[in-house]
Amino acid sequence: MPAPVDMRKSFYTLSGIVSSIMKRNVQDGEAFIFVNRNMSIMKVLHLEHGGLVIYHKRLENGTFTLPRFDEDIVSQQITWY
């Protein structure tokens, strides 16, 4: 189940969430998506050549729609934070 993230968080804190809560390694090349409670702000944390990058998008109107998954399958594969 997705959980909102405080959008004031930056590289070190988001990396900490990836490693401690998601049990993933940010250096493995995956992209990690974080959204706020209102679903109007999204950050994507990704490792590129030379360092970490955060992509930040704020919607002026509307909200992001997260994809729906079969919970039985996804709970073993993906965790949102």
PDB file of N, CA and C in Angstrom:
ATOM      1  N   MET A   1       0.846  -1.177   0.000  1.00  0.00           N
ATOM      2  CA  MET A   1       0.000   0.000   0.000  1.00  0.00           C
ATOM      3  C   MET A   1       0.890   1.238   0.000  1.00  0.00           C
ATOM      4  N   PRO A   2       0.608   2.184  -0.872  1.00  0.00           N
ATOM      5  CA  PRO A   2       1.408   3.408  -0.898  1.00  0.00           C
ATOM      6  C   PRO A   2       1.276   4.188   0.402  1.00  0.00           C
ATOM      7  N   ALA A   3       2.347   4.829   0.787  1.00  0.00           N
ATOM      8  CA  ALA A   3       2.334   5.696   1.959  1.00  0.00           C
ATOM      9  C   ALA A   3       2.912   7.043   1.536  1.00  0.00           C
ATOM     10  N   PRO A   4       2.275   8.151   1.934  1.00  0.00           N
ATOM     11  CA  PRO A   4       2.785   9.456   1.529  1.00  0.00           C
ATOM     12  C   PRO A   4       4.126   9.762   2.179  1.00  0.00           C
ATOM     13  N   VAL A   5       4.888  10.631   1.514  1.00  0.00           N
ATOM     14  CA  VAL A   5       6.210  11.031   1.993  1.00  0.00           C
ATOM     15  C   VAL A   5       6.237  12.547   2.108  1.00  0.00           C
ATOM     16  N   ASP A   6       6.893  13.038   3.133  1.00  0.00           N
ATOM     17  CA  ASP A   6       7.105  14.475   3.314  1.00  0.00           C
ATOM     18  C   ASP A   6       7.994  14.957   2.170  1.00  0.00           C
ATOM     19  N   MET A   7       7.498  15.868   1.351  1.00  0.00           N
ATOM     20  CA  MET A   7       8.229  16.310   0.162  1.00  0.00           C
ATOM     21  C   MET A   7       9.402  17.237   0.484  1.00  0.00           C
ATOM     22  N   ARG A   8       9.641  17.540   1.752  1.00  0.00           N
ATOM     23  CA  ARG A   8      10.837  18.299   2.126  1.00  0.00           C
ATOM     24  C   ARG A   8      12.070  17.407   2.149  1.00  0.00           C
ATOM     25  N   LYS A   9      11.856  16.112   2.088  1.00  0.00           N
ATOM     26  CA  LYS A   9      12.973  15.165   2.121  1.00  0.00           C
ATOM     27  C   LYS A   9      13.793  15.268   0.837  1.00  0.00           C
ATOM     28  N   SER A  10      15.101  15.057   0.978  1.00  0.00           N
ATOM     29  CA  SER A  10      15.989  15.159  -0.167  1.00  0.00           C
ATOM     30  C   SER A  10      16.795  13.875  -0.314  1.00  0.00           C
ATOM     31  N   PHE A  11      17.949  13.973  -0.961  1.00  0.00           N
ATOM     32  CA  PHE A  11      18.744  12.810  -1.343  1.00  0.00           C
ATOM     33  C   PHE A  11      18.992  11.820  -0.202  1.00  0.00           C
ATOM     34  N   TYR A  12      19.555  12.290   0.889  1.00  0.00           N
ATOM     35  CA  TYR A  12      19.959  11.375   1.965  1.00  0.00           C
ATOM     36  C   TYR A  12      18.766  10.722   2.644  1.00  0.00           C
ATOM     37  N   THR A  13      17.727  11.489   2.914  1.00  0.00           N
ATOM     38  CA  THR A  13      16.566  10.927   3.598  1.00  0.00           C
ATOM     39  C   THR A  13      15.796   9.972   2.696  1.00  0.00           C
ATOM     40  N   LEU A  14      15.598  10.349   1.440  1.00  0.00           N
ATOM     41  CA  LEU A  14      14.911   9.445   0.509  1.00  0.00           C
ATOM     42  C   LEU A  14      15.726   8.172   0.290  1.00  0.00           C
ATOM     43  N   SER A  15      17.043   8.305   0.198  1.00  0.00           N
ATOM     44  CA  SER A  15      17.908   7.118   0.085  1.00  0.00           C
ATOM     45  C   SER A  15      17.775   6.235   1.314  1.00  0.00           C
ATOM     46  N   GLY A  16      17.636   6.865   2.478  1.00  0.00           N
ATOM     47  CA  GLY A  16      17.438   6.112   3.723  1.00  0.00           C
ATOM     48  C   GLY A  16      16.137   5.338   3.718  1.00  0.00           C
ATOM     49  N   ILE A  17      15.076   5.930   3.188  1.00  0.00           N
ATOM     50  CA  ILE A  17      13.787   5.231   3.072  1.00  0.00           C
ATOM     51  C   ILE A  17      13.932   4.035   2.143  1.00  0.00           C
ATOM     52  N   VAL A  18      14.631   4.226   1.044  1.00  0.00           N
ATOM     53  CA  VAL A  18      14.842   3.136   0.090  1.00  0.00           C
ATOM     54  C   VAL A  18      15.564   1.974   0.756  1.00  0.00           C
ATOM     55  N   SER A  19      16.627   2.263   1.494  1.00  0.00           N
ATOM     56  CA  SER A  19      17.414   1.171   2.080  1.00  0.00           C
ATOM     57  C   SER A  19      16.785   0.585   3.342  1.00  0.00           C
ATOM     58  N   SER A  20      16.283   1.424   4.246  1.00  0.00           N
ATOM     59  CA  SER A  20      15.804   0.895   5.524  1.00  0.00           C
ATOM     60  C   SER A  20      14.369   0.389   5.479  1.00  0.00           C
ATOM     61  N   ILE A  21      13.489   1.057   4.764  1.00  0.00           N
ATOM     62  CA  ILE A  21      12.082   0.653   4.748  1.00  0.00           C
ATOM     63  C   ILE A  21      11.765  -0.238   3.556  1.00  0.00           C
ATOM     64  N   MET A  22      12.238   0.156   2.374  1.00  0.00           N
ATOM     65  CA  MET A  22      11.950  -0.633   1.171  1.00  0.00           C
ATOM     66  C   MET A  22      12.872  -1.842   1.025  1.00  0.00           C
ATOM     67  N   LYS A  23      13.962  -1.837   1.777  1.00  0.00           N
ATOM     68  CA  LYS A  23      14.947  -2.935   1.716  1.00  0.00           C
ATOM     69  C   LYS A  23      15.504  -3.108   0.301  1.00  0.00           C
ATOM     70  N   ARG A  24      15.781  -1.983  -0.363  1.00  0.00           N
ATOM     71  CA  ARG A  24      16.357  -1.983  -1.702  1.00  0.00           C
ATOM     72  C   ARG A  24      17.650  -1.195  -1.670  1.00  0.00           C
ATOM     73  N   ASN A  25      18.443  -1.310  -2.725  1.00  0.00           N
ATOM     74  CA  ASN A  25      19.695  -0.574  -2.835  1.00  0.00           C
ATOM     75  C   ASN A  25      19.541   0.464  -3.936  1.00  0.00           C
ATOM     76  N   VAL A  26      19.644   1.722  -3.569  1.00  0.00           N
ATOM     77  CA  VAL A  26      19.462   2.806  -4.533  1.00  0.00           C
ATOM     78  C   VAL A  26      20.504   2.736  -5.648  1.00  0.00           C
ATOM     79  N   GLN A  27      21.623   2.084  -5.405  1.00  0.00           N
ATOM     80  CA  GLN A  27      22.687   1.988  -6.401  1.00  0.00           C
ATOM     81  C   GLN A  27      22.462   0.872  -7.414  1.00  0.00           C
ATOM     82  N   ASP A  28      21.357   0.140  -7.300  1.00  0.00           N
ATOM     83  CA  ASP A  28      21.057  -0.935  -8.250  1.00  0.00           C
ATOM     84  C   ASP A  28      20.458  -0.423  -9.557  1.00  0.00           C
ATOM     85  N   GLY A  29      20.205   0.879  -9.664  1.00  0.00           N
ATOM     86  CA  GLY A  29      19.719   1.448 -10.912  1.00  0.00           C
ATOM     87  C   GLY A  29      18.215   1.578 -11.035  1.00  0.00           C
ATOM     88  N   GLU A  30      17.466   1.198 -10.009  1.00  0.00           N
ATOM     89  CA  GLU A  30      16.010   1.341 -10.057  1.00  0.00           C
ATOM     90  C   GLU A  30      15.620   2.802  -9.835  1.00  0.00           C
ATOM     91  N   ALA A  31      14.427   3.150 -10.251  1.00  0.00           N
ATOM     92  CA  ALA A  31      13.857   4.468  -9.963  1.00  0.00           C
ATOM     93  C   ALA A  31      12.840   4.293  -8.848  1.00  0.00           C
ATOM     94  N   PHE A  32      12.873   5.170  -7.854  1.00  0.00           N
ATOM     95  CA  PHE A  32      11.984   5.088  -6.701  1.00  0.00           C
ATOM     96  C   PHE A  32      11.064   6.295  -6.705  1.00  0.00           C
ATOM     97  N   ILE A  33       9.760   6.044  -6.662  1.00  0.00           N
ATOM     98  CA  ILE A  33       8.751   7.092  -6.776  1.00  0.00           C
ATOM     99  C   ILE A  33       8.163   7.390  -5.408  1.00  0.00           C
ATOM    100  N   PHE A  34       8.113   8.679  -5.087  1.00  0.00           N
ATOM    101  CA  PHE A  34       7.562   9.150  -3.819  1.00  0.00           C
ATOM    102  C   PHE A  34       6.493  10.193  -4.130  1.00  0.00           C
ATOM    103  N   VAL A  35       5.361  10.139  -3.421  1.00  0.00           N
ATOM    104  CA  VAL A  35       4.290  11.112  -3.599  1.00  0.00           C
ATOM    105  C   VAL A  35       3.891  11.679  -2.241  1.00  0.00           C
ATOM    106  N   ASN A  36       3.302  12.881  -2.279  1.00  0.00           N
ATOM    107  CA  ASN A  36       2.833  13.483  -1.038  1.00  0.00           C
ATOM    108  C   ASN A  36       1.419  12.998  -0.726  1.00  0.00           C
ATOM    109  N   ARG A  37       0.909  13.407   0.422  1.00  0.00           N
ATOM    110  CA  ARG A  37      -0.409  12.959   0.889  1.00  0.00           C
ATOM    111  C   ARG A  37      -1.528  13.359  -0.083  1.00  0.00           C
ATOM    112  N   ASN A  38      -1.419  14.548  -0.673  1.00  0.00           N
ATOM    113  CA  ASN A  38      -2.462  15.036  -1.579  1.00  0.00           C
ATOM    114  C   ASN A  38      -2.317  14.494  -2.996  1.00  0.00           C
ATOM    115  N   MET A  39      -1.271  13.736  -3.257  1.00  0.00           N
ATOM    116  CA  MET A  39      -1.005  13.163  -4.579  1.00  0.00           C
ATOM    117  C   MET A  39      -0.820  14.250  -5.649  1.00  0.00           C
ATOM    118  N   SER A  40      -0.306  15.402  -5.238  1.00  0.00           N
ATOM    119  CA  SER A  40      -0.106  16.505  -6.178  1.00  0.00           C
ATOM    120  C   SER A  40       1.373  16.773  -6.452  1.00  0.00           C
ATOM    121  N   ILE A  41       2.246  16.141  -5.664  1.00  0.00           N
ATOM    122  CA  ILE A  41       3.690  16.297  -5.840  1.00  0.00           C
ATOM    123  C   ILE A  41       4.317  14.910  -5.922  1.00  0.00           C
ATOM    124  N   MET A  42       5.240  14.756  -6.872  1.00  0.00           N
ATOM    125  CA  MET A  42       5.941  13.488  -7.030  1.00  0.00           C
ATOM    126  C   MET A  42       7.440  13.757  -7.131  1.00  0.00           C
ATOM    127  N   LYS A  43       8.216  12.907  -6.465  1.00  0.00           N
ATOM    128  CA  LYS A  43       9.666  12.910  -6.621  1.00  0.00           C
ATOM    129  C   LYS A  43      10.089  11.521  -7.062  1.00  0.00           C
ATOM    130  N   VAL A  44      11.046  11.492  -7.988  1.00  0.00           N
ATOM    131  CA  VAL A  44      11.610  10.229  -8.453  1.00  0.00           C
ATOM    132  C   VAL A  44      13.100  10.269  -8.139  1.00  0.00           C
ATOM    133  N   LEU A  45      13.569   9.310  -7.369  1.00  0.00           N
ATOM    134  CA  LEU A  45      14.979   9.196  -7.005  1.00  0.00           C
ATOM    135  C   LEU A  45      15.613   8.140  -7.887  1.00  0.00           C
ATOM    136  N   HIS A  46      16.731   8.506  -8.514  1.00  0.00           N
ATOM    137  CA  HIS A  46      17.368   7.602  -9.470  1.00  0.00           C
ATOM    138  C   HIS A  46      18.867   7.849  -9.472  1.00  0.00           C
ATOM    139  N   LEU A  47      19.644   6.787  -9.607  1.00  0.00           N
ATOM    140  CA  LEU A  47      21.094   6.910  -9.713  1.00  0.00           C
ATOM    141  C   LEU A  47      21.477   6.972 -11.184  1.00  0.00           C
ATOM    142  N   GLU A  48      22.129   8.051 -11.565  1.00  0.00           N
ATOM    143  CA  GLU A  48      22.663   8.199 -12.914  1.00  0.00           C
ATOM    144  C   GLU A  48      24.179   8.204 -12.820  1.00  0.00           C
ATOM    145  N   HIS A  49      24.833   8.159 -13.967  1.00  0.00           N
ATOM    146  CA  HIS A  49      26.291   8.199 -13.980  1.00  0.00           C
ATOM    147  C   HIS A  49      26.772   9.445 -13.241  1.00  0.00           C
ATOM    148  N   GLY A  50      27.520   9.248 -12.195  1.00  0.00           N
ATOM    149  CA  GLY A  50      28.069  10.370 -11.444  1.00  0.00           C
ATOM    150  C   GLY A  50      27.319  10.733 -10.182  1.00  0.00           C
ATOM    151  N   GLY A  51      26.120  10.206  -9.971  1.00  0.00           N
ATOM    152  CA  GLY A  51      25.439  10.523  -8.718  1.00  0.00           C
ATOM    153  C   GLY A  51      23.934  10.378  -8.773  1.00  0.00           C
ATOM    154  N   LEU A  52      23.326  10.667  -7.621  1.00  0.00           N
ATOM    155  CA  LEU A  52      21.882  10.575  -7.487  1.00  0.00           C
ATOM    156  C   LEU A  52      21.205  11.786  -8.116  1.00  0.00           C
ATOM    157  N   VAL A  53      20.027  11.550  -8.664  1.00  0.00           N
ATOM    158  CA  VAL A  53      19.222  12.600  -9.270  1.00  0.00           C
ATOM    159  C   VAL A  53      17.821  12.514  -8.676  1.00  0.00           C
ATOM    160  N   ILE A  54      17.220  13.675  -8.393  1.00  0.00           N
ATOM    161  CA  ILE A  54      15.820  13.730  -7.994  1.00  0.00           C
ATOM    162  C   ILE A  54      15.069  14.515  -9.056  1.00  0.00           C
ATOM    163  N   TYR A  55      14.053  13.892  -9.604  1.00  0.00           N
ATOM    164  CA  TYR A  55      13.123  14.573 -10.498  1.00  0.00           C
ATOM    165  C   TYR A  55      11.930  14.965  -9.640  1.00  0.00           C
ATOM    166  N   HIS A  56      11.492  16.206  -9.739  1.00  0.00           N
ATOM    167  CA  HIS A  56      10.428  16.730  -8.888  1.00  0.00           C
ATOM    168  C   HIS A  56       9.350  17.331  -9.781  1.00  0.00           C
ATOM    169  N   LYS A  57       8.106  16.891  -9.603  1.00  0.00           N
ATOM    170  CA  LYS A  57       7.009  17.442 -10.386  1.00  0.00           C
ATOM    171  C   LYS A  57       5.861  17.808  -9.454  1.00  0.00           C
ATOM    172  N   ARG A  58       5.356  19.027  -9.624  1.00  0.00           N
ATOM    173  CA  ARG A  58       4.207  19.499  -8.850  1.00  0.00           C
ATOM    174  C   ARG A  58       3.104  19.842  -9.830  1.00  0.00           C
ATOM    175  N   LEU A  59       1.930  19.272  -9.616  1.00  0.00           N
ATOM    176  CA  LEU A  59       0.787  19.543 -10.483  1.00  0.00           C
ATOM    177  C   LEU A  59       0.106  20.833 -10.040  1.00  0.00           C
ATOM    178  N   GLU A  60      -0.216  21.695 -10.982  1.00  0.00           N
ATOM    179  CA  GLU A  60      -0.971  22.918 -10.684  1.00  0.00           C
ATOM    180  C   GLU A  60      -2.429  22.569 -10.392  1.00  0.00           C
ATOM    181  N   ASN A  61      -2.959  21.587 -11.114  1.00  0.00           N
ATOM    182  CA  ASN A  61      -4.344  21.136 -10.934  1.00  0.00           C
ATOM    183  C   ASN A  61      -4.375  19.618 -10.975  1.00  0.00           C
ATOM    184  N   GLY A  62      -5.322  19.036 -10.249  1.00  0.00           N
ATOM    185  CA  GLY A  62      -5.500  17.596 -10.298  1.00  0.00           C
ATOM    186  C   GLY A  62      -4.514  16.846  -9.413  1.00  0.00           C
ATOM    187  N   THR A  63      -4.520  15.535  -9.568  1.00  0.00           N
ATOM    188  CA  THR A  63      -3.660  14.666  -8.763  1.00  0.00           C
ATOM    189  C   THR A  63      -3.084  13.566  -9.637  1.00  0.00           C
ATOM    190  N   PHE A  64      -1.996  12.984  -9.156  1.00  0.00           N
ATOM    191  CA  PHE A  64      -1.425  11.828  -9.825  1.00  0.00           C
ATOM    192  C   PHE A  64      -2.308  10.618  -9.552  1.00  0.00           C
ATOM    193  N   THR A  65      -2.364   9.719 -10.504  1.00  0.00           N
ATOM    194  CA  THR A  65      -3.078   8.463 -10.328  1.00  0.00           C
ATOM    195  C   THR A  65      -2.052   7.347 -10.356  1.00  0.00           C
ATOM    196  N   LEU A  66      -1.950   6.641  -9.248  1.00  0.00           N
ATOM    197  CA  LEU A  66      -1.019   5.517  -9.190  1.00  0.00           C
ATOM    198  C   LEU A  66      -1.658   4.305  -9.848  1.00  0.00           C
ATOM    199  N   PRO A  67      -0.864   3.470 -10.489  1.00  0.00           N
ATOM    200  CA  PRO A  67      -1.426   2.272 -11.120  1.00  0.00           C
ATOM    201  C   PRO A  67      -2.010   1.329 -10.075  1.00  0.00           C
ATOM    202  N   ARG A  68      -3.038   0.629 -10.462  1.00  0.00           N
ATOM    203  CA  ARG A  68      -3.645  -0.374  -9.581  1.00  0.00           C
ATOM    204  C   ARG A  68      -3.042  -1.734  -9.915  1.00  0.00           C
ATOM    205  N   PHE A  69      -2.752  -2.493  -8.859  1.00  0.00           N
ATOM    206  CA  PHE A  69      -2.147  -3.807  -9.020  1.00  0.00           C
ATOM    207  C   PHE A  69      -2.947  -4.830  -8.236  1.00  0.00           C
ATOM    208  N   ASP A  70      -2.788  -6.070  -8.594  1.00  0.00           N
ATOM    209  CA  ASP A  70      -3.343  -7.159  -7.806  1.00  0.00           C
ATOM    210  C   ASP A  70      -2.525  -7.229  -6.529  1.00  0.00           C
ATOM    211  N   GLU A  71      -3.144  -6.924  -5.399  1.00  0.00           N
ATOM    212  CA  GLU A  71      -2.437  -6.843  -4.120  1.00  0.00           C
ATOM    213  C   GLU A  71      -1.686  -8.125  -3.754  1.00  0.00           C
ATOM    214  N   ASP A  72      -2.235  -9.298  -4.116  1.00  0.00           N
ATOM    215  CA  ASP A  72      -1.572 -10.561  -3.779  1.00  0.00           C
ATOM    216  C   ASP A  72      -0.231 -10.694  -4.487  1.00  0.00           C
ATOM    217  N   ILE A  73      -0.169 -10.225  -5.721  1.00  0.00           N
ATOM    218  CA  ILE A  73       1.066 -10.326  -6.495  1.00  0.00           C
ATOM    219  C   ILE A  73       2.031  -9.217  -6.113  1.00  0.00           C
ATOM    220  N   VAL A  74       1.522  -8.000  -6.030  1.00  0.00           N
ATOM    221  CA  VAL A  74       2.371  -6.839  -5.789  1.00  0.00           C
ATOM    222  C   VAL A  74       2.994  -6.850  -4.414  1.00  0.00           C
ATOM    223  N   SER A  75       2.296  -7.331  -3.418  1.00  0.00           N
ATOM    224  CA  SER A  75       2.842  -7.299  -2.063  1.00  0.00           C
ATOM    225  C   SER A  75       4.154  -8.072  -1.961  1.00  0.00           C
ATOM    226  N   GLN A  76       4.389  -8.974  -2.883  1.00  0.00           N
ATOM    227  CA  GLN A  76       5.637  -9.723  -2.883  1.00  0.00           C
ATOM    228  C   GLN A  76       6.701  -9.060  -3.743  1.00  0.00           C
ATOM    229  N   GLN A  77       6.306  -8.082  -4.570  1.00  0.00           N
ATOM    230  CA  GLN A  77       7.237  -7.509  -5.525  1.00  0.00           C
ATOM    231  C   GLN A  77       7.496  -6.024  -5.322  1.00  0.00           C
ATOM    232  N   ILE A  78       6.452  -5.236  -5.011  1.00  0.00           N
ATOM    233  CA  ILE A  78       6.578  -3.785  -4.985  1.00  0.00           C
ATOM    234  C   ILE A  78       5.998  -3.235  -3.689  1.00  0.00           C
ATOM    235  N   THR A  79       6.680  -2.298  -3.088  1.00  0.00           N
ATOM    236  CA  THR A  79       6.151  -1.573  -1.952  1.00  0.00           C
ATOM    237  C   THR A  79       6.283  -0.096  -2.247  1.00  0.00           C
ATOM    238  N   TRP A  80       5.215   0.662  -2.077  1.00  0.00           N
ATOM    239  CA  TRP A  80       5.208   2.102  -2.335  1.00  0.00           C
ATOM    240  C   TRP A  80       5.399   2.847  -1.020  1.00  0.00           C
ATOM    241  N   TYR A  81       6.147   3.955  -1.058  1.00  0.00           N
ATOM    242  CA  TYR A  81       6.317   4.812   0.117  1.00  0.00           C
ATOM    243  C   TYR A  81       6.282   6.242  -0.292  1.00  0.00           C
TER     244      TYR A  81
END
